[in-house]
Amino acid sequence: MARTPSIEKHRSAWRLRALCVGEDPELFFPLVETDTATARARAVCRRCPVLLACRDWAVRHGEADGVWGDTTASERRAIRGALLADRPSGSA
């Protein structure tokens, strides 16, 4: 079943409340993923009221770059891998 635009709009409404909206995007997408490069972005995430929704979205959609929901790309890959490993065999 195709999702209607109103459902998609509702599902992504959390983005409008994200603290990163007013920040420089380069803060959340450093060229190299290091503790120093991601520290400021992660500090913004930790204060954000939609941290969990953001993290969940990034993991579910396989977001491969940047800091989302106080996680780096490598952390999200690990979370996604663990979630997929926990699925019963035969699940998609």
PDB file of N, CA and C in Angstrom:
ATOM      1  N   MET A   1       0.846  -1.177   0.000  1.00  0.00           N
ATOM      2  CA  MET A   1       0.000   0.000   0.000  1.00  0.00           C
ATOM      3  C   MET A   1       0.891   1.240   0.000  1.00  0.00           C
ATOM      4  N   ALA A   2       0.618   2.158  -0.869  1.00  0.00           N
ATOM      5  CA  ALA A   2       1.393   3.389  -0.948  1.00  0.00           C
ATOM      6  C   ALA A   2       1.038   4.307   0.210  1.00  0.00           C
ATOM      7  N   ARG A   3       2.054   4.978   0.691  1.00  0.00           N
ATOM      8  CA  ARG A   3       1.817   5.935   1.777  1.00  0.00           C
ATOM      9  C   ARG A   3       1.323   7.243   1.186  1.00  0.00           C
ATOM     10  N   THR A   4       0.366   7.830   1.857  1.00  0.00           N
ATOM     11  CA  THR A   4      -0.150   9.111   1.386  1.00  0.00           C
ATOM     12  C   THR A   4       0.752  10.224   1.892  1.00  0.00           C
ATOM     13  N   PRO A   5       0.796  11.350   1.179  1.00  0.00           N
ATOM     14  CA  PRO A   5       1.631  12.464   1.620  1.00  0.00           C
ATOM     15  C   PRO A   5       1.332  12.919   3.042  1.00  0.00           C
ATOM     16  N   SER A   6       0.061  12.885   3.458  1.00  0.00           N
ATOM     17  CA  SER A   6      -0.274  13.343   4.812  1.00  0.00           C
ATOM     18  C   SER A   6       0.316  12.414   5.869  1.00  0.00           C
ATOM     19  N   ILE A   7       0.359  11.109   5.584  1.00  0.00           N
ATOM     20  CA  ILE A   7       0.972  10.172   6.529  1.00  0.00           C
ATOM     21  C   ILE A   7       2.475  10.417   6.592  1.00  0.00           C
ATOM     22  N   GLU A   8       3.107  10.580   5.446  1.00  0.00           N
ATOM     23  CA  GLU A   8       4.544  10.841   5.420  1.00  0.00           C
ATOM     24  C   GLU A   8       4.864  12.149   6.137  1.00  0.00           C
ATOM     25  N   LYS A   9       4.046  13.162   5.937  1.00  0.00           N
ATOM     26  CA  LYS A   9       4.266  14.447   6.602  1.00  0.00           C
ATOM     27  C   LYS A   9       4.181  14.265   8.110  1.00  0.00           C
ATOM     28  N   HIS A  10       3.201  13.514   8.575  1.00  0.00           N
ATOM     29  CA  HIS A  10       3.043  13.269  10.004  1.00  0.00           C
ATOM     30  C   HIS A  10       4.238  12.496  10.560  1.00  0.00           C
ATOM     31  N   ARG A  11       4.696  11.490   9.830  1.00  0.00           N
ATOM     32  CA  ARG A  11       5.808  10.663  10.300  1.00  0.00           C
ATOM     33  C   ARG A  11       7.108  11.438  10.395  1.00  0.00           C
ATOM     34  N   SER A  12       7.285  12.464   9.586  1.00  0.00           N
ATOM     35  CA  SER A  12       8.528  13.226   9.631  1.00  0.00           C
ATOM     36  C   SER A  12       8.369  14.570  10.342  1.00  0.00           C
ATOM     37  N   ALA A  13       7.235  14.792  10.998  1.00  0.00           N
ATOM     38  CA  ALA A  13       6.998  16.053  11.705  1.00  0.00           C
ATOM     39  C   ALA A  13       8.009  16.282  12.818  1.00  0.00           C
ATOM     40  N   TRP A  14       8.596  15.212  13.349  1.00  0.00           N
ATOM     41  CA  TRP A  14       9.602  15.345  14.403  1.00  0.00           C
ATOM     42  C   TRP A  14      10.767  16.215  13.942  1.00  0.00           C
ATOM     43  N   ARG A  15      11.059  16.202  12.659  1.00  0.00           N
ATOM     44  CA  ARG A  15      12.189  16.984  12.137  1.00  0.00           C
ATOM     45  C   ARG A  15      12.018  18.479  12.394  1.00  0.00           C
ATOM     46  N   LEU A  16      10.793  18.946  12.394  1.00  0.00           N
ATOM     47  CA  LEU A  16      10.542  20.370  12.617  1.00  0.00           C
ATOM     48  C   LEU A  16      10.882  20.789  14.040  1.00  0.00           C
ATOM     49  N   ARG A  17      10.886  19.834  14.973  1.00  0.00           N
ATOM     50  CA  ARG A  17      11.191  20.140  16.370  1.00  0.00           C
ATOM     51  C   ARG A  17      12.651  19.869  16.726  1.00  0.00           C
ATOM     52  N   ALA A  18      13.424  19.404  15.772  1.00  0.00           N
ATOM     53  CA  ALA A  18      14.825  19.056  16.025  1.00  0.00           C
ATOM     54  C   ALA A  18      15.666  20.309  16.262  1.00  0.00           C
ATOM     55  N   LEU A  19      16.548  20.243  17.243  1.00  0.00           N
ATOM     56  CA  LEU A  19      17.415  21.378  17.553  1.00  0.00           C
ATOM     57  C   LEU A  19      18.430  21.661  16.452  1.00  0.00           C
ATOM     58  N   CYS A  20      18.733  20.674  15.640  1.00  0.00           N
ATOM     59  CA  CYS A  20      19.729  20.858  14.584  1.00  0.00           C
ATOM     60  C   CYS A  20      19.212  21.725  13.438  1.00  0.00           C
ATOM     61  N   VAL A  21      17.921  21.981  13.396  1.00  0.00           N
ATOM     62  CA  VAL A  21      17.332  22.754  12.303  1.00  0.00           C
ATOM     63  C   VAL A  21      18.033  24.096  12.125  1.00  0.00           C
ATOM     64  N   GLY A  22      18.396  24.767  13.187  1.00  0.00           N
ATOM     65  CA  GLY A  22      19.033  26.072  13.083  1.00  0.00           C
ATOM     66  C   GLY A  22      20.549  26.035  13.061  1.00  0.00           C
ATOM     67  N   GLU A  23      21.125  24.849  13.051  1.00  0.00           N
ATOM     68  CA  GLU A  23      22.584  24.705  13.094  1.00  0.00           C
ATOM     69  C   GLU A  23      23.177  24.568  11.691  1.00  0.00           C
ATOM     70  N   ASP A  24      24.475  24.794  11.603  1.00  0.00           N
ATOM     71  CA  ASP A  24      25.213  24.611  10.356  1.00  0.00           C
ATOM     72  C   ASP A  24      25.239  23.123  10.013  1.00  0.00           C
ATOM     73  N   PRO A  25      24.747  22.717   8.849  1.00  0.00           N
ATOM     74  CA  PRO A  25      24.737  21.295   8.487  1.00  0.00           C
ATOM     75  C   PRO A  25      26.123  20.646   8.522  1.00  0.00           C
ATOM     76  N   GLU A  26      27.166  21.423   8.263  1.00  0.00           N
ATOM     77  CA  GLU A  26      28.522  20.867   8.280  1.00  0.00           C
ATOM     78  C   GLU A  26      28.899  20.336   9.658  1.00  0.00           C
ATOM     79  N   LEU A  27      28.272  20.855  10.690  1.00  0.00           N
ATOM     80  CA  LEU A  27      28.516  20.376  12.047  1.00  0.00           C
ATOM     81  C   LEU A  27      28.129  18.907  12.168  1.00  0.00           C
ATOM     82  N   PHE A  28      27.075  18.504  11.493  1.00  0.00           N
ATOM     83  CA  PHE A  28      26.547  17.143  11.600  1.00  0.00           C
ATOM     84  C   PHE A  28      27.085  16.197  10.530  1.00  0.00           C
ATOM     85  N   PHE A  29      27.834  16.733   9.586  1.00  0.00           N
ATOM     86  CA  PHE A  29      28.398  15.919   8.510  1.00  0.00           C
ATOM     87  C   PHE A  29      29.884  16.218   8.341  1.00  0.00           C
ATOM     88  N   PRO A  30      30.703  15.859   9.357  1.00  0.00           N
ATOM     89  CA  PRO A  30      32.141  16.123   9.261  1.00  0.00           C
ATOM     90  C   PRO A  30      32.778  15.252   8.172  1.00  0.00           C
ATOM     91  N   LEU A  31      33.880  15.741   7.615  1.00  0.00           N
ATOM     92  CA  LEU A  31      34.570  14.987   6.568  1.00  0.00           C
ATOM     93  C   LEU A  31      35.144  13.680   7.096  1.00  0.00           C
ATOM     94  N   VAL A  32      35.602  13.705   8.347  1.00  0.00           N
ATOM     95  CA  VAL A  32      36.165  12.516   8.979  1.00  0.00           C
ATOM     96  C   VAL A  32      35.432  12.284  10.295  1.00  0.00           C
ATOM     97  N   GLU A  33      35.017  11.058  10.536  1.00  0.00           N
ATOM     98  CA  GLU A  33      34.268  10.714  11.745  1.00  0.00           C
ATOM     99  C   GLU A  33      35.242  10.457  12.903  1.00  0.00           C
ATOM    100  N   THR A  34      35.498  11.492  13.692  1.00  0.00           N
ATOM    101  CA  THR A  34      36.342  11.361  14.883  1.00  0.00           C
ATOM    102  C   THR A  34      35.570  11.905  16.076  1.00  0.00           C
ATOM    103  N   ASP A  35      36.026  11.559  17.278  1.00  0.00           N
ATOM    104  CA  ASP A  35      35.366  12.079  18.483  1.00  0.00           C
ATOM    105  C   ASP A  35      35.365  13.599  18.487  1.00  0.00           C
ATOM    106  N   THR A  36      36.478  14.198  18.082  1.00  0.00           N
ATOM    107  CA  THR A  36      36.580  15.655  18.067  1.00  0.00           C
ATOM    108  C   THR A  36      35.610  16.257  17.054  1.00  0.00           C
ATOM    109  N   ALA A  37      35.534  15.659  15.879  1.00  0.00           N
ATOM    110  CA  ALA A  37      34.681  16.198  14.816  1.00  0.00           C
ATOM    111  C   ALA A  37      33.200  16.061  15.133  1.00  0.00           C
ATOM    112  N   THR A  38      32.827  15.055  15.883  1.00  0.00           N
ATOM    113  CA  THR A  38      31.402  14.816  16.155  1.00  0.00           C
ATOM    114  C   THR A  38      30.938  15.325  17.521  1.00  0.00           C
ATOM    115  N   ALA A  39      31.852  15.746  18.375  1.00  0.00           N
ATOM    116  CA  ALA A  39      31.505  16.121  19.754  1.00  0.00           C
ATOM    117  C   ALA A  39      30.453  17.229  19.824  1.00  0.00           C
ATOM    118  N   ARG A  40      30.607  18.293  19.044  1.00  0.00           N
ATOM    119  CA  ARG A  40      29.643  19.404  19.103  1.00  0.00           C
ATOM    120  C   ARG A  40      28.270  18.973  18.596  1.00  0.00           C
ATOM    121  N   ALA A  41      28.252  18.200  17.526  1.00  0.00           N
ATOM    122  CA  ALA A  41      26.968  17.724  16.992  1.00  0.00           C
ATOM    123  C   ALA A  41      26.273  16.833  18.012  1.00  0.00           C
ATOM    124  N   ARG A  42      27.031  15.951  18.632  1.00  0.00           N
ATOM    125  CA  ARG A  42      26.447  15.039  19.608  1.00  0.00           C
ATOM    126  C   ARG A  42      25.920  15.793  20.822  1.00  0.00           C
ATOM    127  N   ALA A  43      26.576  16.890  21.187  1.00  0.00           N
ATOM    128  CA  ALA A  43      26.102  17.710  22.307  1.00  0.00           C
ATOM    129  C   ALA A  43      24.741  18.326  21.975  1.00  0.00           C
ATOM    130  N   VAL A  44      24.555  18.757  20.741  1.00  0.00           N
ATOM    131  CA  VAL A  44      23.258  19.287  20.309  1.00  0.00           C
ATOM    132  C   VAL A  44      22.216  18.173  20.379  1.00  0.00           C
ATOM    133  N   CYS A  45      22.570  17.001  19.873  1.00  0.00           N
ATOM    134  CA  CYS A  45      21.641  15.864  19.877  1.00  0.00           C
ATOM    135  C   CYS A  45      21.190  15.506  21.295  1.00  0.00           C
ATOM    136  N   ARG A  46      22.104  15.503  22.225  1.00  0.00           N
ATOM    137  CA  ARG A  46      21.764  15.085  23.594  1.00  0.00           C
ATOM    138  C   ARG A  46      20.762  16.019  24.263  1.00  0.00           C
ATOM    139  N   ARG A  47      20.651  17.251  23.782  1.00  0.00           N
ATOM    140  CA  ARG A  47      19.670  18.200  24.326  1.00  0.00           C
ATOM    141  C   ARG A  47      18.362  18.197  23.529  1.00  0.00           C
ATOM    142  N   CYS A  48      18.321  17.463  22.446  1.00  0.00           N
ATOM    143  CA  CYS A  48      17.212  17.536  21.496  1.00  0.00           C
ATOM    144  C   CYS A  48      15.993  16.731  21.958  1.00  0.00           C
ATOM    145  N   PRO A  49      14.798  17.315  21.851  1.00  0.00           N
ATOM    146  CA  PRO A  49      13.587  16.610  22.281  1.00  0.00           C
ATOM    147  C   PRO A  49      13.182  15.460  21.352  1.00  0.00           C
ATOM    148  N   VAL A  50      13.772  15.387  20.168  1.00  0.00           N
ATOM    149  CA  VAL A  50      13.402  14.317  19.231  1.00  0.00           C
ATOM    150  C   VAL A  50      14.558  13.351  18.978  1.00  0.00           C
ATOM    151  N   LEU A  51      15.493  13.270  19.907  1.00  0.00           N
ATOM    152  CA  LEU A  51      16.665  12.413  19.754  1.00  0.00           C
ATOM    153  C   LEU A  51      16.281  10.990  19.365  1.00  0.00           C
ATOM    154  N   LEU A  52      15.357  10.379  20.078  1.00  0.00           N
ATOM    155  CA  LEU A  52      15.001   8.981  19.811  1.00  0.00           C
ATOM    156  C   LEU A  52      14.330   8.805  18.453  1.00  0.00           C
ATOM    157  N   ALA A  53      13.459   9.722  18.073  1.00  0.00           N
ATOM    158  CA  ALA A  53      12.811   9.637  16.760  1.00  0.00           C
ATOM    159  C   ALA A  53      13.846   9.786  15.648  1.00  0.00           C
ATOM    160  N   CYS A  54      14.781  10.679  15.847  1.00  0.00           N
ATOM    161  CA  CYS A  54      15.842  10.917  14.869  1.00  0.00           C
ATOM    162  C   CYS A  54      16.726   9.680  14.725  1.00  0.00           C
ATOM    163  N   ARG A  55      17.152   9.133  15.852  1.00  0.00           N
ATOM    164  CA  ARG A  55      18.004   7.936  15.836  1.00  0.00           C
ATOM    165  C   ARG A  55      17.275   6.777  15.167  1.00  0.00           C
ATOM    166  N   ASP A  56      16.014   6.583  15.531  1.00  0.00           N
ATOM    167  CA  ASP A  56      15.230   5.493  14.958  1.00  0.00           C
ATOM    168  C   ASP A  56      15.110   5.645  13.444  1.00  0.00           C
ATOM    169  N   TRP A  57      14.814   6.849  12.992  1.00  0.00           N
ATOM    170  CA  TRP A  57      14.688   7.096  11.557  1.00  0.00           C
ATOM    171  C   TRP A  57      15.996   6.788  10.842  1.00  0.00           C
ATOM    172  N   ALA A  58      17.102   7.278  11.381  1.00  0.00           N
ATOM    173  CA  ALA A  58      18.403   7.083  10.738  1.00  0.00           C
ATOM    174  C   ALA A  58      18.786   5.608  10.665  1.00  0.00           C
ATOM    175  N   VAL A  59      18.490   4.855  11.715  1.00  0.00           N
ATOM    176  CA  VAL A  59      18.795   3.419  11.716  1.00  0.00           C
ATOM    177  C   VAL A  59      17.892   2.697  10.716  1.00  0.00           C
ATOM    178  N   ARG A  60      16.594   2.954  10.774  1.00  0.00           N
ATOM    179  CA  ARG A  60      15.647   2.265   9.885  1.00  0.00           C
ATOM    180  C   ARG A  60      15.893   2.562   8.409  1.00  0.00           C
ATOM    181  N   HIS A  61      16.333   3.776   8.111  1.00  0.00           N
ATOM    182  CA  HIS A  61      16.539   4.164   6.718  1.00  0.00           C
ATOM    183  C   HIS A  61      17.984   3.982   6.256  1.00  0.00           C
ATOM    184  N   GLY A  62      18.835   3.450   7.104  1.00  0.00           N
ATOM    185  CA  GLY A  62      20.216   3.185   6.710  1.00  0.00           C
ATOM    186  C   GLY A  62      21.004   4.442   6.388  1.00  0.00           C
ATOM    187  N   GLU A  63      20.731   5.516   7.129  1.00  0.00           N
ATOM    188  CA  GLU A  63      21.441   6.776   6.888  1.00  0.00           C
ATOM    189  C   GLU A  63      22.940   6.529   7.065  1.00  0.00           C
ATOM    190  N   ALA A  64      23.692   6.707   5.987  1.00  0.00           N
ATOM    191  CA  ALA A  64      25.104   6.313   5.964  1.00  0.00           C
ATOM    192  C   ALA A  64      26.077   7.427   6.325  1.00  0.00           C
ATOM    193  N   ASP A  65      25.602   8.633   6.483  1.00  0.00           N
ATOM    194  CA  ASP A  65      26.507   9.754   6.744  1.00  0.00           C
ATOM    195  C   ASP A  65      26.012  10.603   7.897  1.00  0.00           C
ATOM    196  N   GLY A  66      26.946  11.237   8.564  1.00  0.00           N
ATOM    197  CA  GLY A  66      26.624  12.240   9.561  1.00  0.00           C
ATOM    198  C   GLY A  66      26.222  11.723  10.925  1.00  0.00           C
ATOM    199  N   VAL A  67      25.948  12.685  11.800  1.00  0.00           N
ATOM    200  CA  VAL A  67      25.493  12.411  13.162  1.00  0.00           C
ATOM    201  C   VAL A  67      23.977  12.583  13.181  1.00  0.00           C
ATOM    202  N   TRP A  68      23.284  11.543  13.604  1.00  0.00           N
ATOM    203  CA  TRP A  68      21.824  11.533  13.703  1.00  0.00           C
ATOM    204  C   TRP A  68      21.460  10.929  15.051  1.00  0.00           C
ATOM    205  N   GLY A  69      20.660  11.610  15.830  1.00  0.00           N
ATOM    206  CA  GLY A  69      20.204  11.049  17.101  1.00  0.00           C
ATOM    207  C   GLY A  69      21.347  10.633  18.010  1.00  0.00           C
ATOM    208  N   ASP A  70      22.393  11.439  18.064  1.00  0.00           N
ATOM    209  CA  ASP A  70      23.568  11.185  18.916  1.00  0.00           C
ATOM    210  C   ASP A  70      24.300   9.898  18.532  1.00  0.00           C
ATOM    211  N   THR A  71      24.223   9.506  17.263  1.00  0.00           N
ATOM    212  CA  THR A  71      24.976   8.348  16.786  1.00  0.00           C
ATOM    213  C   THR A  71      25.741   8.717  15.525  1.00  0.00           C
ATOM    214  N   THR A  72      26.894   8.082  15.363  1.00  0.00           N
ATOM    215  CA  THR A  72      27.678   8.249  14.144  1.00  0.00           C
ATOM    216  C   THR A  72      27.262   7.175  13.145  1.00  0.00           C
ATOM    217  N   ALA A  73      27.730   7.303  11.926  1.00  0.00           N
ATOM    218  CA  ALA A  73      27.397   6.320  10.889  1.00  0.00           C
ATOM    219  C   ALA A  73      27.844   4.922  11.295  1.00  0.00           C
ATOM    220  N   SER A  74      29.031   4.794  11.862  1.00  0.00           N
ATOM    221  CA  SER A  74      29.518   3.466  12.256  1.00  0.00           C
ATOM    222  C   SER A  74      28.693   2.890  13.404  1.00  0.00           C
ATOM    223  N   GLU A  75      28.255   3.733  14.324  1.00  0.00           N
ATOM    224  CA  GLU A  75      27.397   3.254  15.418  1.00  0.00           C
ATOM    225  C   GLU A  75      26.046   2.780  14.885  1.00  0.00           C
ATOM    226  N   ARG A  76      25.498   3.516  13.922  1.00  0.00           N
ATOM    227  CA  ARG A  76      24.211   3.105  13.344  1.00  0.00           C
ATOM    228  C   ARG A  76      24.336   1.799  12.570  1.00  0.00           C
ATOM    229  N   ARG A  77      25.454   1.609  11.877  1.00  0.00           N
ATOM    230  CA  ARG A  77      25.658   0.333  11.178  1.00  0.00           C
ATOM    231  C   ARG A  77      25.670  -0.818  12.177  1.00  0.00           C
ATOM    232  N   ALA A  78      26.329  -0.612  13.318  1.00  0.00           N
ATOM    233  CA  ALA A  78      26.381  -1.656  14.350  1.00  0.00           C
ATOM    234  C   ALA A  78      24.987  -1.928  14.920  1.00  0.00           C
ATOM    235  N   ILE A  79      24.223  -0.881  15.185  1.00  0.00           N
ATOM    236  CA  ILE A  79      22.859  -1.039  15.710  1.00  0.00           C
ATOM    237  C   ILE A  79      22.003  -1.792  14.698  1.00  0.00           C
ATOM    238  N   ARG A  80      22.081  -1.374  13.451  1.00  0.00           N
ATOM    239  CA  ARG A  80      21.281  -2.018  12.397  1.00  0.00           C
ATOM    240  C   ARG A  80      21.671  -3.489  12.245  1.00  0.00           C
ATOM    241  N   GLY A  81      22.969  -3.764  12.288  1.00  0.00           N
ATOM    242  CA  GLY A  81      23.434  -5.146  12.189  1.00  0.00           C
ATOM    243  C   GLY A  81      22.916  -5.998  13.329  1.00  0.00           C
ATOM    244  N   ALA A  82      22.934  -5.440  14.541  1.00  0.00           N
ATOM    245  CA  ALA A  82      22.434  -6.177  15.708  1.00  0.00           C
ATOM    246  C   ALA A  82      20.932  -6.422  15.592  1.00  0.00           C
ATOM    247  N   LEU A  83      20.200  -5.430  15.119  1.00  0.00           N
ATOM    248  CA  LEU A  83      18.752  -5.595  14.947  1.00  0.00           C
ATOM    249  C   LEU A  83      18.437  -6.661  13.904  1.00  0.00           C
ATOM    250  N   LEU A  84      19.179  -6.654  12.817  1.00  0.00           N
ATOM    251  CA  LEU A  84      18.949  -7.647  11.767  1.00  0.00           C
ATOM    252  C   LEU A  84      19.333  -9.044  12.238  1.00  0.00           C
ATOM    253  N   ALA A  85      20.374  -9.139  13.053  1.00  0.00           N
ATOM    254  CA  ALA A  85      20.809 -10.440  13.570  1.00  0.00           C
ATOM    255  C   ALA A  85      19.787 -11.026  14.536  1.00  0.00           C
ATOM    256  N   ASP A  86      19.031 -10.159  15.210  1.00  0.00           N
ATOM    257  CA  ASP A  86      18.027 -10.612  16.179  1.00  0.00           C
ATOM    258  C   ASP A  86      16.727 -11.074  15.532  1.00  0.00           C
ATOM    259  N   ARG A  87      16.564 -10.819  14.242  1.00  0.00           N
ATOM    260  CA  ARG A  87      15.325 -11.221  13.560  1.00  0.00           C
ATOM    261  C   ARG A  87      15.278 -12.731  13.399  1.00  0.00           C
ATOM    262  N   PRO A  88      14.089 -13.288  13.535  1.00  0.00           N
ATOM    263  CA  PRO A  88      13.939 -14.726  13.271  1.00  0.00           C
ATOM    264  C   PRO A  88      14.266 -15.018  11.806  1.00  0.00           C
ATOM    265  N   SER A  89      14.810 -16.185  11.524  1.00  0.00           N
ATOM    266  CA  SER A  89      15.135 -16.506  10.134  1.00  0.00           C
ATOM    267  C   SER A  89      13.855 -16.524   9.308  1.00  0.00           C
ATOM    268  N   GLY A  90      13.991 -16.038   8.091  1.00  0.00           N
ATOM    269  CA  GLY A  90      12.828 -15.945   7.218  1.00  0.00           C
ATOM    270  C   GLY A  90      12.165 -14.586   7.244  1.00  0.00           C
ATOM    271  N   SER A  91      12.574 -13.700   8.174  1.00  0.00           N
ATOM    272  CA  SER A  91      12.006 -12.349   8.237  1.00  0.00           C
ATOM    273  C   SER A  91      12.708 -11.466   7.231  1.00  0.00           C
ATOM    274  N   ALA A  92      11.993 -10.502   6.703  1.00  0.00           N
ATOM    275  CA  ALA A  92      12.590  -9.572   5.749  1.00  0.00           C
ATOM    276  C   ALA A  92      13.140  -8.368   6.445  1.00  0.00           C
TER     277      ALA A  92
END
